Amino acid sequence: MVISLATLHNLKVYDLKKAIQEIERVSKGKSYIMVESFRNEREEVNMLYWQLTCASYYSTEEWEWLYKEWGYKGDYSFIFFE
């Protein structure tokens, strides 16, 4: 089982892709990723104030698209800056 909690935001998109694909490969379907995200403009602004070290931050729809595009099939959730 692979668990990633609020860490993937530190990776640039090309490394993020590799990391997510590696999580999928080694977990054999038993994985959980939690990332920071936003659902609206207010949450995005709050996240931008926080994200001093973020190399990757996306809306929930964008994260879900990336997971699908890169073949991630595990569980995931989001935290928000309300």
PDB file of N, CA and C in Angstrom:
ATOM      1  N   MET A   1       0.839  -1.179   0.000  1.00  0.00           N
ATOM      2  CA  MET A   1       0.000   0.000   0.000  1.00  0.00           C
ATOM      3  C   MET A   1       0.882   1.238   0.000  1.00  0.00           C
ATOM      4  N   VAL A   2       0.463   2.242  -0.770  1.00  0.00           N
ATOM      5  CA  VAL A   2       1.180   3.507  -0.826  1.00  0.00           C
ATOM      6  C   VAL A   2       0.234   4.617  -0.364  1.00  0.00           C
ATOM      7  N   ILE A   3       0.717   5.466   0.541  1.00  0.00           N
ATOM      8  CA  ILE A   3      -0.056   6.607   1.025  1.00  0.00           C
ATOM      9  C   ILE A   3       0.776   7.860   0.821  1.00  0.00           C
ATOM     10  N   SER A   4       0.168   8.863   0.212  1.00  0.00           N
ATOM     11  CA  SER A   4       0.824  10.157   0.022  1.00  0.00           C
ATOM     12  C   SER A   4      -0.098  11.242   0.560  1.00  0.00           C
ATOM     13  N   LEU A   5       0.364  11.937   1.594  1.00  0.00           N
ATOM     14  CA  LEU A   5      -0.452  12.971   2.235  1.00  0.00           C
ATOM     15  C   LEU A   5       0.210  14.338   2.076  1.00  0.00           C
ATOM     16  N   ALA A   6      -0.403  15.184   1.256  1.00  0.00           N
ATOM     17  CA  ALA A   6       0.017  16.584   1.100  1.00  0.00           C
ATOM     18  C   ALA A   6       1.504  16.734   0.787  1.00  0.00           C
ATOM     19  N   THR A   7       2.015  15.907  -0.113  1.00  0.00           N
ATOM     20  CA  THR A   7       3.421  16.007  -0.490  1.00  0.00           C
ATOM     21  C   THR A   7       3.637  16.248  -1.981  1.00  0.00           C
ATOM     22  N   LEU A   8       2.738  15.774  -2.796  1.00  0.00           N
ATOM     23  CA  LEU A   8       2.943  15.836  -4.247  1.00  0.00           C
ATOM     24  C   LEU A   8       2.972  17.258  -4.782  1.00  0.00           C
ATOM     25  N   HIS A   9       2.436  18.217  -4.052  1.00  0.00           N
ATOM     26  CA  HIS A   9       2.450  19.604  -4.513  1.00  0.00           C
ATOM     27  C   HIS A   9       3.869  20.152  -4.656  1.00  0.00           C
ATOM     28  N   ASN A  10       4.845  19.510  -4.034  1.00  0.00           N
ATOM     29  CA  ASN A  10       6.237  19.963  -4.117  1.00  0.00           C
ATOM     30  C   ASN A  10       6.919  19.613  -5.436  1.00  0.00           C
ATOM     31  N   LEU A  11       6.264  18.823  -6.264  1.00  0.00           N
ATOM     32  CA  LEU A  11       6.863  18.359  -7.521  1.00  0.00           C
ATOM     33  C   LEU A  11       6.372  19.170  -8.710  1.00  0.00           C
ATOM     34  N   LYS A  12       7.285  19.467  -9.617  1.00  0.00           N
ATOM     35  CA  LYS A  12       6.887  20.079 -10.888  1.00  0.00           C
ATOM     36  C   LYS A  12       6.150  19.026 -11.708  1.00  0.00           C
ATOM     37  N   VAL A  13       5.373  19.451 -12.684  1.00  0.00           N
ATOM     38  CA  VAL A  13       4.446  18.560 -13.377  1.00  0.00           C
ATOM     39  C   VAL A  13       5.133  17.341 -13.984  1.00  0.00           C
ATOM     40  N   TYR A  14       6.329  17.490 -14.538  1.00  0.00           N
ATOM     41  CA  TYR A  14       7.001  16.332 -15.141  1.00  0.00           C
ATOM     42  C   TYR A  14       7.417  15.311 -14.086  1.00  0.00           C
ATOM     43  N   ASP A  15       7.817  15.766 -12.898  1.00  0.00           N
ATOM     44  CA  ASP A  15       8.123  14.838 -11.808  1.00  0.00           C
ATOM     45  C   ASP A  15       6.852  14.320 -11.145  1.00  0.00           C
ATOM     46  N   LEU A  16       5.821  15.148 -11.113  1.00  0.00           N
ATOM     47  CA  LEU A  16       4.527  14.729 -10.571  1.00  0.00           C
ATOM     48  C   LEU A  16       3.984  13.543 -11.356  1.00  0.00           C
ATOM     49  N   LYS A  17       4.065  13.607 -12.667  1.00  0.00           N
ATOM     50  CA  LYS A  17       3.597  12.501 -13.511  1.00  0.00           C
ATOM     51  C   LYS A  17       4.345  11.218 -13.162  1.00  0.00           C
ATOM     52  N   LYS A  18       5.659  11.297 -13.074  1.00  0.00           N
ATOM     53  CA  LYS A  18       6.461  10.111 -12.735  1.00  0.00           C
ATOM     54  C   LYS A  18       6.078   9.559 -11.368  1.00  0.00           C
ATOM     55  N   ALA A  19       5.892  10.450 -10.398  1.00  0.00           N
ATOM     56  CA  ALA A  19       5.557  10.010  -9.037  1.00  0.00           C
ATOM     57  C   ALA A  19       4.203   9.310  -8.992  1.00  0.00           C
ATOM     58  N   ILE A  20       3.202   9.885  -9.640  1.00  0.00           N
ATOM     59  CA  ILE A  20       1.870   9.278  -9.643  1.00  0.00           C
ATOM     60  C   ILE A  20       1.893   7.935 -10.374  1.00  0.00           C
ATOM     61  N   GLN A  21       2.596   7.859 -11.470  1.00  0.00           N
ATOM     62  CA  GLN A  21       2.689   6.586 -12.181  1.00  0.00           C
ATOM     63  C   GLN A  21       3.454   5.554 -11.361  1.00  0.00           C
ATOM     64  N   GLU A  22       4.449   5.983 -10.610  1.00  0.00           N
ATOM     65  CA  GLU A  22       5.188   5.049  -9.750  1.00  0.00           C
ATOM     66  C   GLU A  22       4.325   4.594  -8.581  1.00  0.00           C
ATOM     67  N   ILE A  23       3.533   5.486  -8.005  1.00  0.00           N
ATOM     68  CA  ILE A  23       2.602   5.091  -6.952  1.00  0.00           C
ATOM     69  C   ILE A  23       1.659   4.017  -7.484  1.00  0.00           C
ATOM     70  N   GLU A  24       1.117   4.226  -8.666  1.00  0.00           N
ATOM     71  CA  GLU A  24       0.210   3.240  -9.270  1.00  0.00           C
ATOM     72  C   GLU A  24       0.926   1.911  -9.507  1.00  0.00           C
ATOM     73  N   ARG A  25       2.154   1.969  -9.999  1.00  0.00           N
ATOM     74  CA  ARG A  25       2.898   0.748 -10.320  1.00  0.00           C
ATOM     75  C   ARG A  25       3.200  -0.084  -9.078  1.00  0.00           C
ATOM     76  N   VAL A  26       3.721   0.538  -8.037  1.00  0.00           N
ATOM     77  CA  VAL A  26       4.156  -0.244  -6.878  1.00  0.00           C
ATOM     78  C   VAL A  26       3.023  -0.601  -5.925  1.00  0.00           C
ATOM     79  N   SER A  27       1.930   0.137  -5.977  1.00  0.00           N
ATOM     80  CA  SER A  27       0.848  -0.109  -5.017  1.00  0.00           C
ATOM     81  C   SER A  27      -0.049  -1.271  -5.403  1.00  0.00           C
ATOM     82  N   LYS A  28      -0.029  -1.639  -6.663  1.00  0.00           N
ATOM     83  CA  LYS A  28      -0.876  -2.733  -7.160  1.00  0.00           C
ATOM     84  C   LYS A  28      -2.346  -2.507  -6.774  1.00  0.00           C
ATOM     85  N   GLY A  29      -2.806  -1.267  -6.935  1.00  0.00           N
ATOM     86  CA  GLY A  29      -4.206  -0.944  -6.696  1.00  0.00           C
ATOM     87  C   GLY A  29      -4.550  -0.564  -5.267  1.00  0.00           C
ATOM     88  N   LYS A  30      -3.565  -0.541  -4.387  1.00  0.00           N
ATOM     89  CA  LYS A  30      -3.827  -0.176  -2.989  1.00  0.00           C
ATOM     90  C   LYS A  30      -3.063   1.102  -2.678  1.00  0.00           C
ATOM     91  N   SER A  31      -3.700   2.236  -2.998  1.00  0.00           N
ATOM     92  CA  SER A  31      -3.031   3.515  -2.780  1.00  0.00           C
ATOM     93  C   SER A  31      -4.035   4.592  -2.403  1.00  0.00           C
ATOM     94  N   TYR A  32      -3.507   5.633  -1.778  1.00  0.00           N
ATOM     95  CA  TYR A  32      -4.321   6.770  -1.377  1.00  0.00           C
ATOM     96  C   TYR A  32      -3.464   8.021  -1.482  1.00  0.00           C
ATOM     97  N   ILE A  33      -3.965   8.994  -2.224  1.00  0.00           N
ATOM     98  CA  ILE A  33      -3.291  10.276  -2.389  1.00  0.00           C
ATOM     99  C   ILE A  33      -4.205  11.374  -1.860  1.00  0.00           C
ATOM    100  N   MET A  34      -3.658  12.251  -1.025  1.00  0.00           N
ATOM    101  CA  MET A  34      -4.387  13.436  -0.577  1.00  0.00           C
ATOM    102  C   MET A  34      -3.557  14.643  -0.997  1.00  0.00           C
ATOM    103  N   VAL A  35      -4.176  15.558  -1.733  1.00  0.00           N
ATOM    104  CA  VAL A  35      -3.499  16.761  -2.194  1.00  0.00           C
ATOM    105  C   VAL A  35      -4.329  17.993  -1.869  1.00  0.00           C
ATOM    106  N   GLU A  36      -3.669  19.137  -1.878  1.00  0.00           N
ATOM    107  CA  GLU A  36      -4.341  20.411  -1.724  1.00  0.00           C
ATOM    108  C   GLU A  36      -4.998  20.764  -3.055  1.00  0.00           C
ATOM    109  N   SER A  37      -6.174  21.386  -2.973  1.00  0.00           N
ATOM    110  CA  SER A  37      -6.884  21.728  -4.200  1.00  0.00           C
ATOM    111  C   SER A  37      -7.840  22.879  -3.919  1.00  0.00           C
ATOM    112  N   PHE A  38      -8.593  23.252  -4.948  1.00  0.00           N
ATOM    113  CA  PHE A  38      -9.602  24.293  -4.785  1.00  0.00           C
ATOM    114  C   PHE A  38     -10.795  23.991  -5.669  1.00  0.00           C
ATOM    115  N   ARG A  39     -11.963  24.474  -5.210  1.00  0.00           N
ATOM    116  CA  ARG A  39     -13.214  24.251  -5.939  1.00  0.00           C
ATOM    117  C   ARG A  39     -13.812  25.542  -6.467  1.00  0.00           C
ATOM    118  N   ASN A  40     -13.290  26.656  -6.022  1.00  0.00           N
ATOM    119  CA  ASN A  40     -13.836  27.945  -6.442  1.00  0.00           C
ATOM    120  C   ASN A  40     -12.751  29.011  -6.335  1.00  0.00           C
ATOM    121  N   GLU A  41     -13.082  30.203  -6.757  1.00  0.00           N
ATOM    122  CA  GLU A  41     -12.108  31.293  -6.806  1.00  0.00           C
ATOM    123  C   GLU A  41     -11.575  31.678  -5.421  1.00  0.00           C
ATOM    124  N   ARG A  42     -12.441  31.703  -4.441  1.00  0.00           N
ATOM    125  CA  ARG A  42     -12.017  32.056  -3.074  1.00  0.00           C
ATOM    126  C   ARG A  42     -10.993  31.051  -2.539  1.00  0.00           C
ATOM    127  N   GLU A  43     -11.265  29.767  -2.705  1.00  0.00           N
ATOM    128  CA  GLU A  43     -10.326  28.745  -2.250  1.00  0.00           C
ATOM    129  C   GLU A  43      -9.019  28.822  -3.031  1.00  0.00           C
ATOM    130  N   GLU A  44      -9.094  29.152  -4.315  1.00  0.00           N
ATOM    131  CA  GLU A  44      -7.871  29.286  -5.109  1.00  0.00           C
ATOM    132  C   GLU A  44      -7.017  30.446  -4.584  1.00  0.00           C
ATOM    133  N   VAL A  45      -7.648  31.579  -4.286  1.00  0.00           N
ATOM    134  CA  VAL A  45      -6.913  32.721  -3.731  1.00  0.00           C
ATOM    135  C   VAL A  45      -6.274  32.345  -2.403  1.00  0.00           C
ATOM    136  N   ASN A  46      -7.028  31.707  -1.524  1.00  0.00           N
ATOM    137  CA  ASN A  46      -6.472  31.274  -0.238  1.00  0.00           C
ATOM    138  C   ASN A  46      -5.300  30.326  -0.430  1.00  0.00           C
ATOM    139  N   MET A  47      -5.414  29.446  -1.388  1.00  0.00           N
ATOM    140  CA  MET A  47      -4.336  28.503  -1.663  1.00  0.00           C
ATOM    141  C   MET A  47      -3.105  29.233  -2.208  1.00  0.00           C
ATOM    142  N   LEU A  48      -3.310  30.220  -3.043  1.00  0.00           N
ATOM    143  CA  LEU A  48      -2.190  30.977  -3.593  1.00  0.00           C
ATOM    144  C   LEU A  48      -1.411  31.706  -2.494  1.00  0.00           C
ATOM    145  N   TYR A  49      -2.098  32.166  -1.452  1.00  0.00           N
ATOM    146  CA  TYR A  49      -1.412  32.789  -0.325  1.00  0.00           C
ATOM    147  C   TYR A  49      -0.570  31.771   0.437  1.00  0.00           C
ATOM    148  N   TRP A  50      -1.044  30.539   0.487  1.00  0.00           N
ATOM    149  CA  TRP A  50      -0.370  29.489   1.234  1.00  0.00           C
ATOM    150  C   TRP A  50       0.760  28.835   0.440  1.00  0.00           C
ATOM    151  N   GLN A  51       0.629  28.756  -0.841  1.00  0.00           N
ATOM    152  CA  GLN A  51       1.419  27.872  -1.696  1.00  0.00           C
ATOM    153  C   GLN A  51       2.849  28.316  -1.984  1.00  0.00           C
ATOM    154  N   LEU A  52       3.515  28.934  -1.072  1.00  0.00           N
ATOM    155  CA  LEU A  52       4.871  29.416  -1.317  1.00  0.00           C
ATOM    156  C   LEU A  52       5.814  28.338  -1.845  1.00  0.00           C
ATOM    157  N   THR A  53       5.622  27.107  -1.444  1.00  0.00           N
ATOM    158  CA  THR A  53       6.503  26.023  -1.893  1.00  0.00           C
ATOM    159  C   THR A  53       5.855  25.115  -2.931  1.00  0.00           C
ATOM    160  N   CYS A  54       4.631  25.394  -3.300  1.00  0.00           N
ATOM    161  CA  CYS A  54       3.934  24.524  -4.262  1.00  0.00           C
ATOM    162  C   CYS A  54       4.509  24.688  -5.668  1.00  0.00           C
ATOM    163  N   ALA A  55       4.881  23.587  -6.259  1.00  0.00           N
ATOM    164  CA  ALA A  55       5.270  23.580  -7.666  1.00  0.00           C
ATOM    165  C   ALA A  55       4.092  23.143  -8.530  1.00  0.00           C
ATOM    166  N   SER A  56       3.137  22.448  -7.933  1.00  0.00           N
ATOM    167  CA  SER A  56       1.949  21.975  -8.649  1.00  0.00           C
ATOM    168  C   SER A  56       0.721  22.178  -7.778  1.00  0.00           C
ATOM    169  N   TYR A  57      -0.213  22.935  -8.264  1.00  0.00           N
ATOM    170  CA  TYR A  57      -1.503  23.058  -7.592  1.00  0.00           C
ATOM    171  C   TYR A  57      -2.583  23.206  -8.645  1.00  0.00           C
ATOM    172  N   TYR A  58      -3.675  22.473  -8.446  1.00  0.00           N
ATOM    173  CA  TYR A  58      -4.719  22.387  -9.457  1.00  0.00           C
ATOM    174  C   TYR A  58      -6.097  22.329  -8.810  1.00  0.00           C
ATOM    175  N   SER A  59      -7.098  22.629  -9.612  1.00  0.00           N
ATOM    176  CA  SER A  59      -8.479  22.456  -9.163  1.00  0.00           C
ATOM    177  C   SER A  59      -8.765  20.960  -9.045  1.00  0.00           C
ATOM    178  N   THR A  60      -9.857  20.630  -8.382  1.00  0.00           N
ATOM    179  CA  THR A  60     -10.212  19.213  -8.245  1.00  0.00           C
ATOM    180  C   THR A  60     -10.412  18.569  -9.611  1.00  0.00           C
ATOM    181  N   GLU A  61     -11.033  19.299 -10.535  1.00  0.00           N
ATOM    182  CA  GLU A  61     -11.255  18.752 -11.882  1.00  0.00           C
ATOM    183  C   GLU A  61      -9.929  18.495 -12.600  1.00  0.00           C
ATOM    184  N   GLU A  62      -8.975  19.409 -12.413  1.00  0.00           N
ATOM    185  CA  GLU A  62      -7.667  19.223 -13.052  1.00  0.00           C
ATOM    186  C   GLU A  62      -6.918  18.042 -12.457  1.00  0.00           C
ATOM    187  N   TRP A  63      -6.942  17.896 -11.131  1.00  0.00           N
ATOM    188  CA  TRP A  63      -6.305  16.725 -10.510  1.00  0.00           C
ATOM    189  C   TRP A  63      -6.920  15.435 -11.031  1.00  0.00           C
ATOM    190  N   GLU A  64      -8.243  15.394 -11.072  1.00  0.00           N
ATOM    191  CA  GLU A  64      -8.913  14.176 -11.544  1.00  0.00           C
ATOM    192  C   GLU A  64      -8.557  13.884 -12.996  1.00  0.00           C
ATOM    193  N   TRP A  65      -8.447  14.907 -13.816  1.00  0.00           N
ATOM    194  CA  TRP A  65      -8.045  14.709 -15.212  1.00  0.00           C
ATOM    195  C   TRP A  65      -6.627  14.154 -15.279  1.00  0.00           C
ATOM    196  N   LEU A  66      -5.707  14.717 -14.478  1.00  0.00           N
ATOM    197  CA  LEU A  66      -4.327  14.230 -14.460  1.00  0.00           C
ATOM    198  C   LEU A  66      -4.270  12.774 -14.016  1.00  0.00           C
ATOM    199  N   TYR A  67      -4.991  12.430 -12.950  1.00  0.00           N
ATOM    200  CA  TYR A  67      -5.007  11.031 -12.495  1.00  0.00           C
ATOM    201  C   TYR A  67      -5.456  10.098 -13.612  1.00  0.00           C
ATOM    202  N   LYS A  68      -6.525  10.461 -14.289  1.00  0.00           N
ATOM    203  CA  LYS A  68      -7.034   9.614 -15.375  1.00  0.00           C
ATOM    204  C   LYS A  68      -6.029   9.551 -16.526  1.00  0.00           C
ATOM    205  N   GLU A  69      -5.509  10.691 -16.915  1.00  0.00           N
ATOM    206  CA  GLU A  69      -4.552  10.772 -18.030  1.00  0.00           C
ATOM    207  C   GLU A  69      -3.297   9.945 -17.764  1.00  0.00           C
ATOM    208  N   TRP A  70      -2.853   9.929 -16.503  1.00  0.00           N
ATOM    209  CA  TRP A  70      -1.617   9.237 -16.144  1.00  0.00           C
ATOM    210  C   TRP A  70      -1.846   7.825 -15.625  1.00  0.00           C
ATOM    211  N   GLY A  71      -3.094   7.348 -15.651  1.00  0.00           N
ATOM    212  CA  GLY A  71      -3.385   5.957 -15.316  1.00  0.00           C
ATOM    213  C   GLY A  71      -3.506   5.647 -13.840  1.00  0.00           C
ATOM    214  N   TYR A  72      -3.714   6.659 -13.004  1.00  0.00           N
ATOM    215  CA  TYR A  72      -3.860   6.408 -11.571  1.00  0.00           C
ATOM    216  C   TYR A  72      -5.277   5.917 -11.283  1.00  0.00           C
ATOM    217  N   LYS A  73      -5.364   4.770 -10.579  1.00  0.00           N
ATOM    218  CA  LYS A  73      -6.667   4.161 -10.290  1.00  0.00           C
ATOM    219  C   LYS A  73      -6.946   4.044  -8.793  1.00  0.00           C
ATOM    220  N   GLY A  74      -6.043   4.521  -7.970  1.00  0.00           N
ATOM    221  CA  GLY A  74      -6.202   4.408  -6.523  1.00  0.00           C
ATOM    222  C   GLY A  74      -7.185   5.414  -5.957  1.00  0.00           C
ATOM    223  N   ASP A  75      -7.294   5.400  -4.649  1.00  0.00           N
ATOM    224  CA  ASP A  75      -8.164   6.339  -3.954  1.00  0.00           C
ATOM    225  C   ASP A  75      -7.468   7.682  -3.814  1.00  0.00           C
ATOM    226  N   TYR A  76      -8.276   8.727  -3.664  1.00  0.00           N
ATOM    227  CA  TYR A  76      -7.712  10.061  -3.463  1.00  0.00           C
ATOM    228  C   TYR A  76      -8.748  10.953  -2.794  1.00  0.00           C
ATOM    229  N   SER A  77      -8.248  12.043  -2.214  1.00  0.00           N
ATOM    230  CA  SER A  77      -9.117  13.069  -1.651  1.00  0.00           C
ATOM    231  C   SER A  77      -8.369  14.392  -1.719  1.00  0.00           C
ATOM    232  N   PHE A  78      -9.080  15.449  -1.329  1.00  0.00           N
ATOM    233  CA  PHE A  78      -8.526  16.790  -1.406  1.00  0.00           C
ATOM    234  C   PHE A  78      -8.712  17.499  -0.077  1.00  0.00           C
ATOM    235  N   ILE A  79      -7.811  18.439   0.209  1.00  0.00           N
ATOM    236  CA  ILE A  79      -8.044  19.374   1.303  1.00  0.00           C
ATOM    237  C   ILE A  79      -8.155  20.757   0.684  1.00  0.00           C
ATOM    238  N   PHE A  80      -8.901  21.622   1.331  1.00  0.00           N
ATOM    239  CA  PHE A  80      -9.208  22.938   0.778  1.00  0.00           C
ATOM    240  C   PHE A  80      -8.873  24.032   1.780  1.00  0.00           C
ATOM    241  N   PHE A  81      -8.597  25.196   1.266  1.00  0.00           N
ATOM    242  CA  PHE A  81      -8.299  26.374   2.080  1.00  0.00           C
ATOM    243  C   PHE A  81      -9.500  27.305   2.015  1.00  0.00           C
ATOM    244  N   GLU A  82     -10.472  27.024   2.869  1.00  0.00           N
ATOM    245  CA  GLU A  82     -11.732  27.759   2.844  1.00  0.00           C
ATOM    246  C   GLU A  82     -11.610  29.092   3.533  1.00  0.00           C
TER     247      GLU A  82
END
